Amino acid sequence: MRKESSQGKKERVRHSSDPKVKLQVHLVRQQPLPIDLGQDVQVRRKGGRRPLTETREEIIQRLLDPEVTLHEASAILNLSKATLRRYTDQGKLPCIRTAGGQRRFRLSDLLAFLEQKEAP
């Protein structure tokens, strides 16, 4: 923290070990935001769990039929990743694309593919 001297030069003020002085220095540095939030809006929640963003059916669907990565799918089907990519490009195996373009597979689709592959 700097302090103006009588000659107009800034001097370095030593930090005090007094907690009241430290608090005052800290409070002086804090400035309110120059925006109007309207009514008193509670920005932070106090503890507890986050609210649910999925419906009951979506939660059950996600737990019973999870999405599997390309690596996991290749381990389940005992195929190489390149073969799985080729199968999805040819339409032999359905996949879901993420926003980043990665392939995700439904476990039910993988199991159906296994049954179809094993059937004579």
N, C-alpha and C. Protein backbone atom coordinates (compact mmCIF):
# COMPACT_ATOMS: atom_id res chain seq x y z
N MET A 1 0.86 -1.17 0.00
CA MET A 1 0.00 0.00 0.00
C MET A 1 0.89 1.22 0.00
N ARG A 2 0.49 2.24 -0.74
CA ARG A 2 1.30 3.45 -0.84
C ARG A 2 0.55 4.61 -0.21
N LYS A 3 1.33 5.54 0.28
CA LYS A 3 0.75 6.69 0.95
C LYS A 3 1.38 7.95 0.37
N GLU A 4 0.56 8.95 0.13
CA GLU A 4 1.06 10.22 -0.39
C GLU A 4 1.79 10.96 0.71
N SER A 5 3.00 11.39 0.42
CA SER A 5 3.72 12.21 1.39
C SER A 5 3.38 13.67 1.14
N SER A 6 3.88 14.55 1.97
CA SER A 6 3.58 15.97 1.82
C SER A 6 4.20 16.54 0.57
N GLN A 7 5.23 15.90 0.02
CA GLN A 7 5.89 16.40 -1.18
C GLN A 7 5.26 15.82 -2.45
N GLY A 8 4.23 15.00 -2.33
CA GLY A 8 3.54 14.45 -3.48
C GLY A 8 4.11 13.12 -3.95
N LYS A 9 5.16 12.64 -3.33
CA LYS A 9 5.74 11.36 -3.71
C LYS A 9 5.03 10.25 -2.95
N LYS A 10 5.00 9.08 -3.57
CA LYS A 10 4.35 7.95 -2.92
C LYS A 10 5.38 7.19 -2.10
N GLU A 11 5.02 6.87 -0.88
CA GLU A 11 5.88 6.09 -0.02
C GLU A 11 5.20 4.75 0.26
N ARG A 12 5.99 3.76 0.52
CA ARG A 12 5.45 2.45 0.84
C ARG A 12 5.13 2.42 2.33
N VAL A 13 3.87 2.06 2.66
CA VAL A 13 3.45 1.97 4.05
C VAL A 13 3.66 0.54 4.51
N ARG A 14 4.24 0.37 5.67
CA ARG A 14 4.47 -0.96 6.19
C ARG A 14 3.15 -1.58 6.59
N HIS A 15 3.03 -2.87 6.36
CA HIS A 15 1.82 -3.58 6.73
C HIS A 15 1.79 -3.76 8.23
N SER A 16 0.66 -3.47 8.78
CA SER A 16 0.50 -3.58 10.22
C SER A 16 0.07 -5.00 10.58
N SER A 17 0.44 -5.44 11.73
CA SER A 17 0.01 -6.76 12.20
C SER A 17 -1.33 -6.67 12.92
N ASP A 18 -1.85 -5.46 13.05
CA ASP A 18 -3.13 -5.26 13.71
C ASP A 18 -4.25 -5.74 12.79
N PRO A 19 -5.09 -6.68 13.22
CA PRO A 19 -6.15 -7.21 12.34
C PRO A 19 -7.16 -6.15 11.91
N LYS A 20 -7.41 -5.15 12.76
CA LYS A 20 -8.38 -4.11 12.38
C LYS A 20 -7.85 -3.28 11.22
N VAL A 21 -6.56 -3.00 11.23
CA VAL A 21 -5.96 -2.23 10.15
C VAL A 21 -5.97 -3.05 8.87
N LYS A 22 -5.65 -4.35 8.98
CA LYS A 22 -5.67 -5.22 7.81
C LYS A 22 -7.06 -5.28 7.20
N LEU A 23 -8.09 -5.37 8.04
CA LEU A 23 -9.46 -5.41 7.56
C LEU A 23 -9.84 -4.11 6.85
N GLN A 24 -9.45 -2.99 7.42
CA GLN A 24 -9.75 -1.70 6.80
C GLN A 24 -9.07 -1.58 5.44
N VAL A 25 -7.82 -2.01 5.35
CA VAL A 25 -7.10 -1.96 4.08
C VAL A 25 -7.80 -2.85 3.06
N HIS A 26 -8.21 -4.01 3.48
CA HIS A 26 -8.90 -4.94 2.58
C HIS A 26 -10.24 -4.36 2.11
N LEU A 27 -11.00 -3.77 3.01
CA LEU A 27 -12.31 -3.22 2.66
C LEU A 27 -12.18 -2.01 1.74
N VAL A 28 -11.11 -1.23 1.88
CA VAL A 28 -10.90 -0.07 1.02
C VAL A 28 -10.67 -0.51 -0.41
N ARG A 29 -10.00 -1.65 -0.60
CA ARG A 29 -9.70 -2.16 -1.94
C ARG A 29 -10.95 -2.69 -2.66
N GLN A 30 -11.94 -3.15 -1.92
CA GLN A 30 -13.14 -3.72 -2.53
C GLN A 30 -14.05 -2.61 -3.03
N GLN A 31 -14.46 -2.73 -4.26
CA GLN A 31 -15.36 -1.77 -4.87
C GLN A 31 -16.61 -2.51 -5.33
N PRO A 32 -17.79 -1.94 -5.17
CA PRO A 32 -19.01 -2.60 -5.66
C PRO A 32 -19.02 -2.59 -7.19
N LEU A 33 -19.67 -3.59 -7.77
CA LEU A 33 -19.78 -3.67 -9.22
C LEU A 33 -20.70 -2.56 -9.73
N PRO A 34 -20.36 -1.95 -10.87
CA PRO A 34 -21.17 -0.85 -11.39
C PRO A 34 -22.37 -1.32 -12.21
N ILE A 35 -23.01 -2.42 -11.80
CA ILE A 35 -24.18 -2.90 -12.52
C ILE A 35 -25.34 -3.02 -11.55
N ASP A 36 -26.52 -2.84 -12.09
CA ASP A 36 -27.72 -2.94 -11.27
C ASP A 36 -28.34 -4.31 -11.50
N LEU A 37 -28.46 -5.09 -10.45
CA LEU A 37 -29.03 -6.42 -10.55
C LEU A 37 -30.53 -6.43 -10.30
N GLY A 38 -31.11 -5.26 -10.18
CA GLY A 38 -32.54 -5.20 -9.93
C GLY A 38 -32.83 -5.54 -8.49
N GLN A 39 -33.74 -6.49 -8.29
CA GLN A 39 -34.07 -6.91 -6.95
C GLN A 39 -32.89 -7.66 -6.35
N ASP A 40 -32.96 -7.89 -5.06
CA ASP A 40 -31.91 -8.65 -4.41
C ASP A 40 -31.93 -10.08 -4.95
N VAL A 41 -30.99 -10.37 -5.81
CA VAL A 41 -30.91 -11.68 -6.43
C VAL A 41 -29.88 -12.50 -5.68
N GLN A 42 -30.28 -13.66 -5.22
CA GLN A 42 -29.36 -14.52 -4.51
C GLN A 42 -28.56 -15.29 -5.55
N VAL A 43 -27.29 -14.94 -5.68
CA VAL A 43 -26.44 -15.54 -6.69
C VAL A 43 -25.90 -16.87 -6.20
N ARG A 44 -25.52 -16.95 -4.96
CA ARG A 44 -24.94 -18.17 -4.42
C ARG A 44 -25.98 -18.92 -3.60
N ARG A 45 -25.96 -20.24 -3.79
CA ARG A 45 -26.84 -21.06 -2.98
C ARG A 45 -26.05 -21.52 -1.77
N LYS A 46 -26.74 -21.78 -0.71
CA LYS A 46 -26.08 -22.24 0.50
C LYS A 46 -26.21 -23.75 0.60
N GLY A 47 -25.10 -24.45 0.45
CA GLY A 47 -25.03 -25.89 0.67
C GLY A 47 -26.12 -26.69 -0.02
N GLY A 48 -26.22 -27.91 0.36
CA GLY A 48 -27.25 -28.78 -0.20
C GLY A 48 -26.86 -29.33 -1.56
N ARG A 49 -27.75 -30.09 -2.13
CA ARG A 49 -27.51 -30.69 -3.43
C ARG A 49 -27.97 -29.78 -4.54
N ARG A 50 -27.38 -29.99 -5.71
CA ARG A 50 -27.81 -29.24 -6.88
C ARG A 50 -29.19 -29.72 -7.31
N PRO A 51 -29.99 -28.85 -7.90
CA PRO A 51 -31.30 -29.29 -8.38
C PRO A 51 -31.14 -30.25 -9.57
N LEU A 52 -32.09 -31.16 -9.71
CA LEU A 52 -32.04 -32.13 -10.80
C LEU A 52 -32.26 -31.44 -12.13
N THR A 53 -31.48 -31.84 -13.12
CA THR A 53 -31.63 -31.28 -14.46
C THR A 53 -32.25 -32.30 -15.41
N GLU A 54 -32.41 -33.54 -14.95
CA GLU A 54 -32.98 -34.59 -15.78
C GLU A 54 -34.31 -35.06 -15.18
N THR A 55 -35.16 -35.55 -16.06
CA THR A 55 -36.40 -36.12 -15.57
C THR A 55 -36.13 -37.53 -15.04
N ARG A 56 -37.11 -38.09 -14.38
CA ARG A 56 -36.97 -39.43 -13.82
C ARG A 56 -36.68 -40.45 -14.92
N GLU A 57 -37.39 -40.32 -16.04
CA GLU A 57 -37.23 -41.25 -17.16
C GLU A 57 -35.84 -41.13 -17.76
N GLU A 58 -35.33 -39.90 -17.88
CA GLU A 58 -33.99 -39.70 -18.43
C GLU A 58 -32.92 -40.31 -17.53
N ILE A 59 -33.10 -40.19 -16.23
CA ILE A 59 -32.13 -40.78 -15.29
C ILE A 59 -32.13 -42.29 -15.40
N ILE A 60 -33.32 -42.89 -15.46
CA ILE A 60 -33.43 -44.35 -15.59
C ILE A 60 -32.80 -44.81 -16.91
N GLN A 61 -33.11 -44.10 -17.98
CA GLN A 61 -32.55 -44.44 -19.30
C GLN A 61 -31.03 -44.35 -19.29
N ARG A 62 -30.49 -43.30 -18.69
CA ARG A 62 -29.04 -43.12 -18.63
C ARG A 62 -28.36 -44.22 -17.83
N LEU A 63 -29.00 -44.66 -16.75
CA LEU A 63 -28.40 -45.69 -15.90
C LEU A 63 -28.54 -47.09 -16.49
N LEU A 64 -29.67 -47.37 -17.14
CA LEU A 64 -29.89 -48.71 -17.69
C LEU A 64 -29.24 -48.91 -19.05
N ASP A 65 -29.09 -47.85 -19.81
CA ASP A 65 -28.50 -47.95 -21.15
C ASP A 65 -27.46 -46.84 -21.31
N PRO A 66 -26.29 -47.00 -20.67
CA PRO A 66 -25.31 -45.90 -20.68
C PRO A 66 -24.64 -45.72 -22.03
N GLU A 67 -24.07 -44.53 -22.23
CA GLU A 67 -23.26 -44.27 -23.42
C GLU A 67 -21.85 -44.77 -23.16
N VAL A 68 -21.27 -45.40 -24.16
CA VAL A 68 -19.96 -46.03 -24.05
C VAL A 68 -19.02 -45.36 -25.04
N THR A 69 -17.77 -45.14 -24.64
CA THR A 69 -16.78 -44.53 -25.53
C THR A 69 -16.33 -45.52 -26.59
N LEU A 70 -15.62 -45.03 -27.58
CA LEU A 70 -15.08 -45.88 -28.64
C LEU A 70 -14.12 -46.92 -28.06
N HIS A 71 -13.30 -46.51 -27.15
CA HIS A 71 -12.35 -47.42 -26.51
C HIS A 71 -13.07 -48.55 -25.76
N GLU A 72 -14.09 -48.17 -24.99
CA GLU A 72 -14.85 -49.17 -24.24
C GLU A 72 -15.61 -50.11 -25.18
N ALA A 73 -16.17 -49.54 -26.24
CA ALA A 73 -16.91 -50.36 -27.20
C ALA A 73 -15.99 -51.35 -27.89
N SER A 74 -14.78 -50.93 -28.21
CA SER A 74 -13.84 -51.85 -28.86
C SER A 74 -13.47 -53.00 -27.92
N ALA A 75 -13.40 -52.72 -26.61
CA ALA A 75 -13.10 -53.77 -25.64
C ALA A 75 -14.29 -54.73 -25.49
N ILE A 76 -15.50 -54.19 -25.50
CA ILE A 76 -16.71 -55.02 -25.36
C ILE A 76 -16.88 -55.94 -26.56
N LEU A 77 -16.69 -55.39 -27.76
CA LEU A 77 -16.92 -56.16 -28.98
C LEU A 77 -15.70 -56.94 -29.44
N ASN A 78 -14.57 -56.69 -28.81
CA ASN A 78 -13.31 -57.33 -29.18
C ASN A 78 -12.95 -57.03 -30.63
N LEU A 79 -13.12 -55.75 -31.00
CA LEU A 79 -12.77 -55.27 -32.33
C LEU A 79 -11.82 -54.08 -32.17
N SER A 80 -11.10 -53.78 -33.22
CA SER A 80 -10.21 -52.62 -33.16
C SER A 80 -11.03 -51.33 -33.28
N LYS A 81 -10.44 -50.24 -32.85
CA LYS A 81 -11.12 -48.94 -32.95
C LYS A 81 -11.35 -48.56 -34.41
N ALA A 82 -10.39 -48.90 -35.25
CA ALA A 82 -10.52 -48.59 -36.68
C ALA A 82 -11.71 -49.35 -37.29
N THR A 83 -11.89 -50.59 -36.89
CA THR A 83 -13.02 -51.38 -37.40
C THR A 83 -14.34 -50.78 -36.94
N LEU A 84 -14.40 -50.36 -35.68
CA LEU A 84 -15.62 -49.72 -35.18
C LEU A 84 -15.91 -48.43 -35.93
N ARG A 85 -14.89 -47.64 -36.21
CA ARG A 85 -15.08 -46.41 -36.99
C ARG A 85 -15.63 -46.74 -38.38
N ARG A 86 -15.06 -47.77 -39.00
CA ARG A 86 -15.51 -48.18 -40.33
C ARG A 86 -16.97 -48.65 -40.29
N TYR A 87 -17.31 -49.45 -39.27
CA TYR A 87 -18.68 -49.94 -39.15
C TYR A 87 -19.68 -48.79 -38.96
N THR A 88 -19.30 -47.79 -38.18
CA THR A 88 -20.22 -46.65 -37.98
C THR A 88 -20.33 -45.83 -39.26
N ASP A 89 -19.22 -45.68 -39.99
CA ASP A 89 -19.28 -44.93 -41.25
C ASP A 89 -20.13 -45.66 -42.29
N GLN A 90 -20.11 -47.01 -42.25
CA GLN A 90 -20.90 -47.80 -43.20
C GLN A 90 -22.35 -47.98 -42.75
N GLY A 91 -22.66 -47.59 -41.51
CA GLY A 91 -24.02 -47.71 -41.02
C GLY A 91 -24.34 -49.06 -40.40
N LYS A 92 -23.34 -49.90 -40.22
CA LYS A 92 -23.56 -51.21 -39.62
C LYS A 92 -23.80 -51.13 -38.11
N LEU A 93 -23.26 -50.09 -37.49
CA LEU A 93 -23.37 -49.91 -36.04
C LEU A 93 -23.74 -48.46 -35.75
N PRO A 94 -24.89 -48.23 -35.11
CA PRO A 94 -25.28 -46.84 -34.84
C PRO A 94 -24.42 -46.21 -33.74
N CYS A 95 -24.17 -44.94 -33.88
CA CYS A 95 -23.41 -44.22 -32.86
C CYS A 95 -24.00 -42.83 -32.68
N ILE A 96 -23.62 -42.21 -31.58
CA ILE A 96 -24.04 -40.84 -31.25
C ILE A 96 -22.78 -39.99 -31.31
N ARG A 97 -22.87 -38.83 -31.91
CA ARG A 97 -21.72 -37.94 -31.98
C ARG A 97 -21.85 -36.87 -30.90
N THR A 98 -20.75 -36.62 -30.20
CA THR A 98 -20.74 -35.54 -29.21
C THR A 98 -20.56 -34.22 -29.93
N ALA A 99 -20.61 -33.13 -29.19
CA ALA A 99 -20.40 -31.81 -29.78
C ALA A 99 -19.00 -31.71 -30.38
N GLY A 100 -18.04 -32.43 -29.82
CA GLY A 100 -16.68 -32.42 -30.32
C GLY A 100 -16.43 -33.41 -31.44
N GLY A 101 -17.47 -34.15 -31.85
CA GLY A 101 -17.35 -35.09 -32.96
C GLY A 101 -16.93 -36.49 -32.55
N GLN A 102 -16.82 -36.76 -31.26
CA GLN A 102 -16.43 -38.10 -30.82
C GLN A 102 -17.62 -39.05 -30.89
N ARG A 103 -17.33 -40.30 -31.12
CA ARG A 103 -18.37 -41.32 -31.20
C ARG A 103 -18.70 -41.85 -29.81
N ARG A 104 -20.00 -42.00 -29.54
CA ARG A 104 -20.48 -42.66 -28.33
C ARG A 104 -21.47 -43.72 -28.77
N PHE A 105 -21.46 -44.84 -28.07
CA PHE A 105 -22.33 -45.96 -28.43
C PHE A 105 -23.24 -46.27 -27.26
N ARG A 106 -24.47 -46.64 -27.53
CA ARG A 106 -25.39 -47.11 -26.51
C ARG A 106 -25.06 -48.58 -26.23
N LEU A 107 -25.07 -48.94 -24.96
CA LEU A 107 -24.77 -50.32 -24.59
C LEU A 107 -25.76 -51.28 -25.23
N SER A 108 -27.01 -50.90 -25.32
CA SER A 108 -28.02 -51.77 -25.93
C SER A 108 -27.71 -52.02 -27.42
N ASP A 109 -27.20 -50.99 -28.13
CA ASP A 109 -26.81 -51.17 -29.53
C ASP A 109 -25.64 -52.13 -29.66
N LEU A 110 -24.69 -52.06 -28.73
CA LEU A 110 -23.54 -52.96 -28.77
C LEU A 110 -23.97 -54.41 -28.52
N LEU A 111 -24.86 -54.59 -27.55
CA LEU A 111 -25.33 -55.94 -27.24
C LEU A 111 -26.14 -56.52 -28.40
N ALA A 112 -26.95 -55.70 -29.05
CA ALA A 112 -27.72 -56.15 -30.21
C ALA A 112 -26.78 -56.51 -31.36
N PHE A 113 -25.73 -55.73 -31.52
CA PHE A 113 -24.74 -56.03 -32.57
C PHE A 113 -24.05 -57.36 -32.29
N LEU A 114 -23.72 -57.60 -31.02
CA LEU A 114 -23.09 -58.88 -30.64
C LEU A 114 -24.01 -60.06 -30.93
N GLU A 115 -25.29 -59.94 -30.60
CA GLU A 115 -26.27 -61.01 -30.84
C GLU A 115 -26.43 -61.26 -32.34
N GLN A 116 -26.47 -60.19 -33.11
CA GLN A 116 -26.62 -60.31 -34.56
C GLN A 116 -25.38 -60.96 -35.17
N LYS A 117 -24.21 -60.62 -34.64
CA LYS A 117 -22.95 -61.16 -35.13
C LYS A 117 -22.82 -62.65 -34.81
N GLU A 118 -23.31 -63.07 -33.63
CA GLU A 118 -23.20 -64.46 -33.20
C GLU A 118 -24.27 -65.34 -33.84
N ALA A 119 -25.39 -64.77 -34.27
CA ALA A 119 -26.48 -65.57 -34.87
C ALA A 119 -26.04 -66.08 -36.23
N PRO A 120 -26.38 -67.37 -36.55
CA PRO A 120 -25.96 -67.95 -37.84
C PRO A 120 -26.73 -67.40 -39.02
